Amino acid sequence: MKKKNPGRFVSGSLQAKRFGYEMITPTLIVMAIMTAYPLIFTFYYSFTDYDLLQVLKEPAKFVGFGNYVKLLSTYYFRNAIWNTVRFSLLAVVFEMLIGFIMAEFVHRLQRGQKVMRTLLLIPYLLPTVTVALIWRMMLSPNYGIVNQVLEALHLPVYNWFYDIKTAFRAILVIDIWQSSPFVFLLMYAALQAVPEDQYEAAKLDGANYFQSLFYITIPNIKNSLALCALLRTIDSFRLFDKVNLLTGGGPANSTATITQYLYNTGIKVYHFGYASAGAIVMTLIVLMLASVYIKRAMN
């Protein structure tokens, strides 16, 4: 009887791995270039006074940490940081809570789960521009349905996007409405993986709903919760479209975010060096927040 040569299988396995590396290498190179190149040049420009209108006349000069000192001493940028952090914290908390409740509700449905999943995902599938325009019409001070309902109930009406008391809250509500379905989708998928026998055993031991929730459901999906919170934090920190379309950062900079501030200083007036320093500060803040979530998820 002819013996099999084990070396042949080892060689074939190495060739398969080598082929796999060769196939993904071009993609990794392109991704590294697309990510590293802008980051390196943004970091470099943050230490210069690069101005697109002036660089044609004279080259950019090295200013050291001058842009960073100017940024952190500027009230409008500090206010933008505070608005962004406050928005991210509130948005993530409410979106995680609402998304989890939606996922738990659909998960426990005996019928109609597919229909309910589709309906709940519609807000997240809409383009941000479409969402902003829909809500701008709904909250219009002249013909918006929200003010018409409030007026019919003899309640005070507001100029939602131009009142310093309501503009920030309106943006927050719109983002929660659109992004909660994303949390729902991830939480629903995580709930599907929780073993049913654990719930059955808890039920036999006399555990109620909240005991099962805190001792079975949440421990089983805690990594998914951390990942979802991380993704939503990063995404909410980059808030720009809704603010730019609905308020432009106003009124009185009450809705100005870091990205809106960078857009105003970098794209509108071409102060690329100053805006690059702001982008680096924003990246560092996001990395610090991400490290907290990752550390908690790994424990």
Protein backbone atom coordinates (compact mmCIF):
# COMPACT_ATOMS: atom_id res chain seq x y z
CA MET A 1 0.00 0.00 0.00
CA LYS A 2 1.38 3.37 -1.08
CA LYS A 3 1.95 5.79 1.79
CA LYS A 4 0.75 9.37 1.55
CA ASN A 5 3.36 12.08 1.55
CA PRO A 6 2.52 14.56 4.37
CA GLY A 7 5.00 17.06 2.95
CA ARG A 8 2.83 17.50 -0.08
CA PHE A 9 -0.10 18.70 2.06
CA VAL A 10 2.15 21.07 4.02
CA SER A 11 3.51 22.50 0.77
CA GLY A 12 0.00 22.91 -0.61
CA SER A 13 -1.12 24.70 2.56
CA LEU A 14 1.83 27.11 2.37
CA GLN A 15 1.08 27.78 -1.29
CA ALA A 16 -2.56 28.51 -0.45
CA LYS A 17 -1.53 30.97 2.27
CA ARG A 18 0.97 32.62 -0.04
CA PHE A 19 -1.67 32.93 -2.74
CA GLY A 20 -4.06 34.51 -0.22
CA TYR A 21 -1.44 37.06 0.86
CA GLU A 22 -0.66 37.89 -2.75
CA MET A 23 -4.34 38.48 -3.48
CA ILE A 24 -4.94 40.88 -0.58
CA THR A 25 -1.59 42.71 -0.76
CA PRO A 26 -2.64 45.18 -3.53
CA THR A 27 -5.78 46.09 -1.58
CA LEU A 28 -3.81 46.58 1.63
CA ILE A 29 -1.28 48.79 -0.18
CA VAL A 30 -4.02 50.97 -1.69
CA MET A 31 -5.80 51.27 1.67
CA ALA A 32 -2.55 52.15 3.43
CA ILE A 33 -1.76 54.84 0.85
CA MET A 34 -5.28 56.26 0.95
CA THR A 35 -5.16 56.42 4.75
CA ALA A 36 -1.52 57.20 5.52
CA TYR A 37 -0.90 59.81 2.80
CA PRO A 38 -3.64 62.27 3.88
CA LEU A 39 -2.85 61.72 7.56
CA ILE A 40 0.88 62.40 7.12
CA PHE A 41 0.32 65.55 5.08
CA THR A 42 -2.40 66.79 7.43
CA PHE A 43 0.01 66.33 10.34
CA TYR A 44 2.75 68.15 8.41
CA TYR A 45 0.54 71.07 7.35
CA SER A 46 -0.69 71.49 10.92
CA PHE A 47 2.75 72.90 11.79
CA THR A 48 2.74 75.42 8.92
CA ASP A 49 0.81 78.56 8.01
CA TYR A 50 -0.29 76.94 4.73
CA ASP A 51 -2.86 79.17 3.04
CA LEU A 52 -4.03 78.31 -0.45
CA LEU A 53 -4.37 81.98 -1.42
CA GLN A 54 -0.91 82.90 -0.12
CA VAL A 55 1.08 79.81 -1.11
CA LEU A 56 1.03 80.92 -4.76
CA LYS A 57 2.97 84.03 -3.76
CA GLU A 58 5.29 82.58 -1.11
CA PRO A 59 5.83 79.09 0.32
CA ALA A 60 4.26 78.06 3.59
CA LYS A 61 6.32 78.74 6.71
CA PHE A 62 6.91 76.43 9.65
CA VAL A 63 5.13 77.83 12.72
CA GLY A 64 5.61 74.97 15.18
CA PHE A 65 2.71 74.62 17.61
CA GLY A 66 1.39 78.06 16.72
CA ASN A 67 -1.76 76.68 15.08
CA TYR A 68 -2.50 74.46 18.06
CA VAL A 69 -2.02 77.32 20.54
CA LYS A 70 -4.28 79.55 18.45
CA LEU A 71 -6.91 76.81 18.20
CA LEU A 72 -7.08 76.05 21.89
CA SER A 73 -7.15 79.76 22.76
CA THR A 74 -10.02 80.45 20.35
CA TYR A 75 -13.42 80.51 22.01
CA TYR A 76 -15.26 79.33 18.89
CA PHE A 77 -13.13 76.20 18.59
CA ARG A 78 -13.48 75.35 22.28
CA ASN A 79 -17.22 75.87 21.93
CA ALA A 80 -17.23 73.58 18.89
CA ILE A 81 -15.42 70.89 20.92
CA TRP A 82 -17.96 71.22 23.74
CA ASN A 83 -20.89 71.04 21.31
CA THR A 84 -19.42 67.97 19.61
CA VAL A 85 -18.67 66.11 22.85
CA ARG A 86 -22.07 66.99 24.31
CA PHE A 87 -23.84 65.95 21.12
CA SER A 88 -21.93 62.66 20.88
CA LEU A 89 -22.60 61.69 24.49
CA LEU A 90 -26.32 62.48 24.33
CA ALA A 91 -26.78 60.94 20.88
CA VAL A 92 -24.97 57.70 21.73
CA VAL A 93 -26.81 57.24 25.04
CA PHE A 94 -30.27 57.77 23.55
CA GLU A 95 -29.52 55.82 20.36
CA MET A 96 -28.16 52.86 22.31
CA LEU A 97 -31.19 52.86 24.60
CA ILE A 98 -33.78 53.25 21.84
CA GLY A 99 -32.00 50.85 19.50
CA PHE A 100 -31.78 48.18 22.18
CA ILE A 101 -35.46 48.56 23.08
CA MET A 102 -36.38 48.23 19.41
CA ALA A 103 -34.19 45.14 19.03
CA GLU A 104 -35.58 43.50 22.15
CA PHE A 105 -39.15 44.22 21.01
CA VAL A 106 -38.64 42.76 17.52
CA HIS A 107 -36.65 39.81 18.87
CA ARG A 108 -39.57 38.78 21.07
CA LEU A 109 -42.21 39.12 18.36
CA GLN A 110 -43.85 35.84 17.40
CA ARG A 111 -44.96 37.12 14.00
CA GLY A 112 -44.05 39.90 11.61
CA GLN A 113 -40.37 40.20 12.46
CA LYS A 114 -39.32 40.68 8.81
CA VAL A 115 -41.89 43.41 8.20
CA MET A 116 -41.02 45.22 11.42
CA ARG A 117 -37.27 45.01 10.69
CA THR A 118 -37.81 46.59 7.28
CA LEU A 119 -39.99 49.41 8.62
CA LEU A 120 -37.60 50.26 11.45
CA LEU A 121 -34.58 50.40 9.13
CA ILE A 122 -36.11 52.91 6.70
CA PRO A 123 -34.82 56.07 8.49
CA TYR A 124 -31.24 54.75 8.47
CA LEU A 125 -31.41 53.84 4.78
CA LEU A 126 -32.43 57.36 3.75
CA PRO A 127 -29.63 59.71 2.59
CA THR A 128 -28.67 62.34 5.15
CA VAL A 129 -29.57 65.16 2.75
CA THR A 130 -33.05 63.70 2.30
CA VAL A 131 -33.51 63.38 6.06
CA ALA A 132 -32.39 66.98 6.60
CA LEU A 133 -34.76 68.32 3.95
CA ILE A 134 -37.70 66.30 5.31
CA TRP A 135 -37.17 67.58 8.83
CA ARG A 136 -36.57 71.14 7.63
CA MET A 137 -40.02 71.08 6.01
CA MET A 138 -41.62 69.46 9.05
CA LEU A 139 -40.08 72.02 11.42
CA SER A 140 -40.58 75.03 9.18
CA PRO A 141 -41.87 78.02 11.19
CA ASN A 142 -44.26 78.96 8.37
CA TYR A 143 -45.77 75.74 7.04
CA GLY A 144 -44.23 72.94 9.12
CA ILE A 145 -46.59 70.28 10.40
CA VAL A 146 -45.02 70.31 13.88
CA ASN A 147 -45.81 73.98 14.48
CA GLN A 148 -49.29 73.52 13.03
CA VAL A 149 -50.01 70.74 15.53
CA LEU A 150 -48.61 72.81 18.41
CA GLU A 151 -50.68 75.78 17.33
CA ALA A 152 -53.83 73.62 17.14
CA LEU A 153 -53.16 72.45 20.70
CA HIS A 154 -52.66 76.10 21.80
CA LEU A 155 -49.02 75.43 22.63
CA PRO A 156 -46.10 77.77 21.86
CA VAL A 157 -44.49 77.41 18.43
CA TYR A 158 -40.79 77.81 17.66
CA ASN A 159 -38.44 78.77 14.90
CA TRP A 160 -36.67 75.48 15.54
CA PHE A 161 -33.41 75.90 13.63
CA TYR A 162 -32.93 79.62 14.35
CA ASP A 163 -33.74 79.70 18.05
CA ILE A 164 -30.74 79.22 20.32
CA LYS A 165 -32.94 77.28 22.75
CA THR A 166 -34.13 74.69 20.24
CA ALA A 167 -31.57 74.42 17.41
CA PHE A 168 -29.19 72.02 19.18
CA ARG A 169 -32.04 69.84 20.44
CA ALA A 170 -33.62 69.70 16.99
CA ILE A 171 -30.36 68.46 15.42
CA LEU A 172 -30.02 65.92 18.24
CA VAL A 173 -33.55 64.56 17.75
CA ILE A 174 -33.04 64.25 13.99
CA ASP A 175 -29.80 62.32 14.43
CA ILE A 176 -31.38 60.00 17.02
CA TRP A 177 -34.31 59.36 14.69
CA GLN A 178 -32.02 58.45 11.79
CA SER A 179 -29.27 56.53 13.61
CA SER A 180 -31.20 54.49 16.19
CA PRO A 181 -32.09 51.88 13.51
CA PHE A 182 -28.34 51.23 13.04
CA VAL A 183 -28.07 50.34 16.72
CA PHE A 184 -31.23 48.27 16.38
CA LEU A 185 -29.70 46.26 13.54
CA LEU A 186 -26.51 45.40 15.44
CA MET A 187 -28.35 44.67 18.68
CA TYR A 188 -30.91 42.51 16.91
CA ALA A 189 -28.12 40.44 15.34
CA ALA A 190 -26.43 40.09 18.75
CA LEU A 191 -29.66 38.98 20.43
CA GLN A 192 -30.09 36.23 17.86
CA ALA A 193 -26.85 34.66 19.11
CA VAL A 194 -27.87 34.49 22.80
CA PRO A 195 -28.56 30.81 23.67
CA GLU A 196 -32.25 30.20 24.36
CA ASP A 197 -31.47 27.46 26.89
CA GLN A 198 -30.08 30.11 29.24
CA TYR A 199 -33.42 31.91 29.25
CA GLU A 200 -35.24 28.62 29.80
CA ALA A 201 -33.00 27.72 32.73
CA ALA A 202 -33.49 31.18 34.25
CA LYS A 203 -37.25 30.88 33.82
CA LEU A 204 -37.25 27.55 35.65
CA ASP A 205 -35.32 29.18 38.49
CA GLY A 206 -38.03 31.86 38.76
CA ALA A 207 -36.11 34.77 37.19
CA ASN A 208 -38.23 37.67 35.95
CA TYR A 209 -37.67 39.69 32.77
CA PHE A 210 -35.28 42.25 34.28
CA GLN A 211 -33.20 39.58 36.00
CA SER A 212 -32.84 37.73 32.69
CA LEU A 213 -32.00 41.01 31.00
CA PHE A 214 -29.21 42.00 33.41
CA TYR A 215 -27.76 38.54 34.09
CA ILE A 216 -28.16 36.83 30.70
CA THR A 217 -28.85 39.22 27.83
CA ILE A 218 -26.43 42.05 28.60
CA PRO A 219 -23.45 39.83 29.60
CA ASN A 220 -23.86 37.88 26.35
CA ILE A 221 -23.95 40.96 24.12
CA LYS A 222 -21.60 43.28 26.03
CA ASN A 223 -18.93 43.15 23.30
CA SER A 224 -21.55 44.02 20.67
CA LEU A 225 -22.74 46.88 22.88
CA ALA A 226 -19.20 48.23 23.17
CA LEU A 227 -18.58 47.92 19.43
CA CYS A 228 -21.87 49.61 18.60
CA ALA A 229 -21.18 52.44 21.05
CA LEU A 230 -17.70 52.90 19.54
CA LEU A 231 -19.03 53.07 15.98
CA ARG A 232 -21.77 55.51 16.92
CA THR A 233 -19.37 57.70 18.89
CA ILE A 234 -16.97 57.98 15.97
CA ASP A 235 -19.79 58.65 13.53
CA SER A 236 -21.53 61.24 15.72
CA PHE A 237 -18.21 62.96 16.30
CA ARG A 238 -18.00 63.52 12.55
CA LEU A 239 -21.41 65.23 12.46
CA PHE A 240 -21.42 67.71 9.61
CA ASP A 241 -24.14 67.20 6.98
CA LYS A 242 -27.15 67.91 9.19
CA VAL A 243 -25.55 70.93 10.84
CA ASN A 244 -24.31 72.40 7.56
CA LEU A 245 -27.66 71.94 5.81
CA LEU A 246 -29.98 73.00 8.64
CA THR A 247 -28.20 75.60 10.77
CA GLY A 248 -24.73 76.23 9.37
CA GLY A 249 -23.43 76.14 12.94
CA GLY A 250 -25.81 78.84 14.19
CA PRO A 251 -27.56 80.48 15.80
CA ALA A 252 -24.73 82.10 17.78
CA ASN A 253 -22.57 78.98 17.22
CA SER A 254 -24.92 76.93 19.40
CA THR A 255 -24.79 74.01 16.93
CA ALA A 256 -21.25 74.48 15.64
CA THR A 257 -19.28 71.22 15.67
CA ILE A 258 -15.60 70.56 15.10
CA THR A 259 -16.18 69.46 11.50
CA GLN A 260 -18.30 72.54 10.80
CA TYR A 261 -15.58 74.75 12.27
CA LEU A 262 -12.93 73.03 10.15
CA TYR A 263 -15.10 73.45 7.06
CA ASN A 264 -15.50 77.17 7.73
CA THR A 265 -11.78 77.74 8.33
CA GLY A 266 -10.32 75.25 5.85
CA ILE A 267 -12.66 74.99 2.88
CA LYS A 268 -14.30 78.41 2.91
CA VAL A 269 -11.29 80.63 3.64
CA TYR A 270 -8.48 78.20 2.65
CA HIS A 271 -6.53 78.29 5.94
CA PHE A 272 -5.40 74.70 5.46
CA GLY A 273 -2.61 74.78 8.04
CA TYR A 274 -4.91 76.02 10.79
CA ALA A 275 -7.68 73.61 9.78
CA SER A 276 -5.20 70.71 9.68
CA ALA A 277 -4.29 71.37 13.31
CA GLY A 278 -7.99 71.21 14.16
CA ALA A 279 -8.31 67.91 12.31
CA ILE A 280 -5.41 66.44 14.31
CA VAL A 281 -6.99 67.57 17.59
CA MET A 282 -10.27 65.98 16.54
CA THR A 283 -8.47 62.73 15.66
CA LEU A 284 -6.76 62.62 19.05
CA ILE A 285 -10.07 63.10 20.86
CA VAL A 286 -11.67 60.29 18.86
CA LEU A 287 -8.71 58.00 19.56
CA MET A 288 -8.98 58.68 23.30
CA LEU A 289 -12.68 57.88 23.28
CA ALA A 290 -12.09 54.77 21.16
CA SER A 291 -9.40 53.52 23.55
CA VAL A 292 -11.89 53.66 26.43
CA TYR A 293 -14.43 51.53 24.56
CA ILE A 294 -11.79 49.05 23.37
CA LYS A 295 -10.33 48.69 26.88
CA ARG A 296 -13.78 48.03 28.35
CA ALA A 297 -14.62 45.52 25.60
CA MET A 298 -11.40 43.56 26.22
CA ASN A 299 -11.96 43.27 29.99
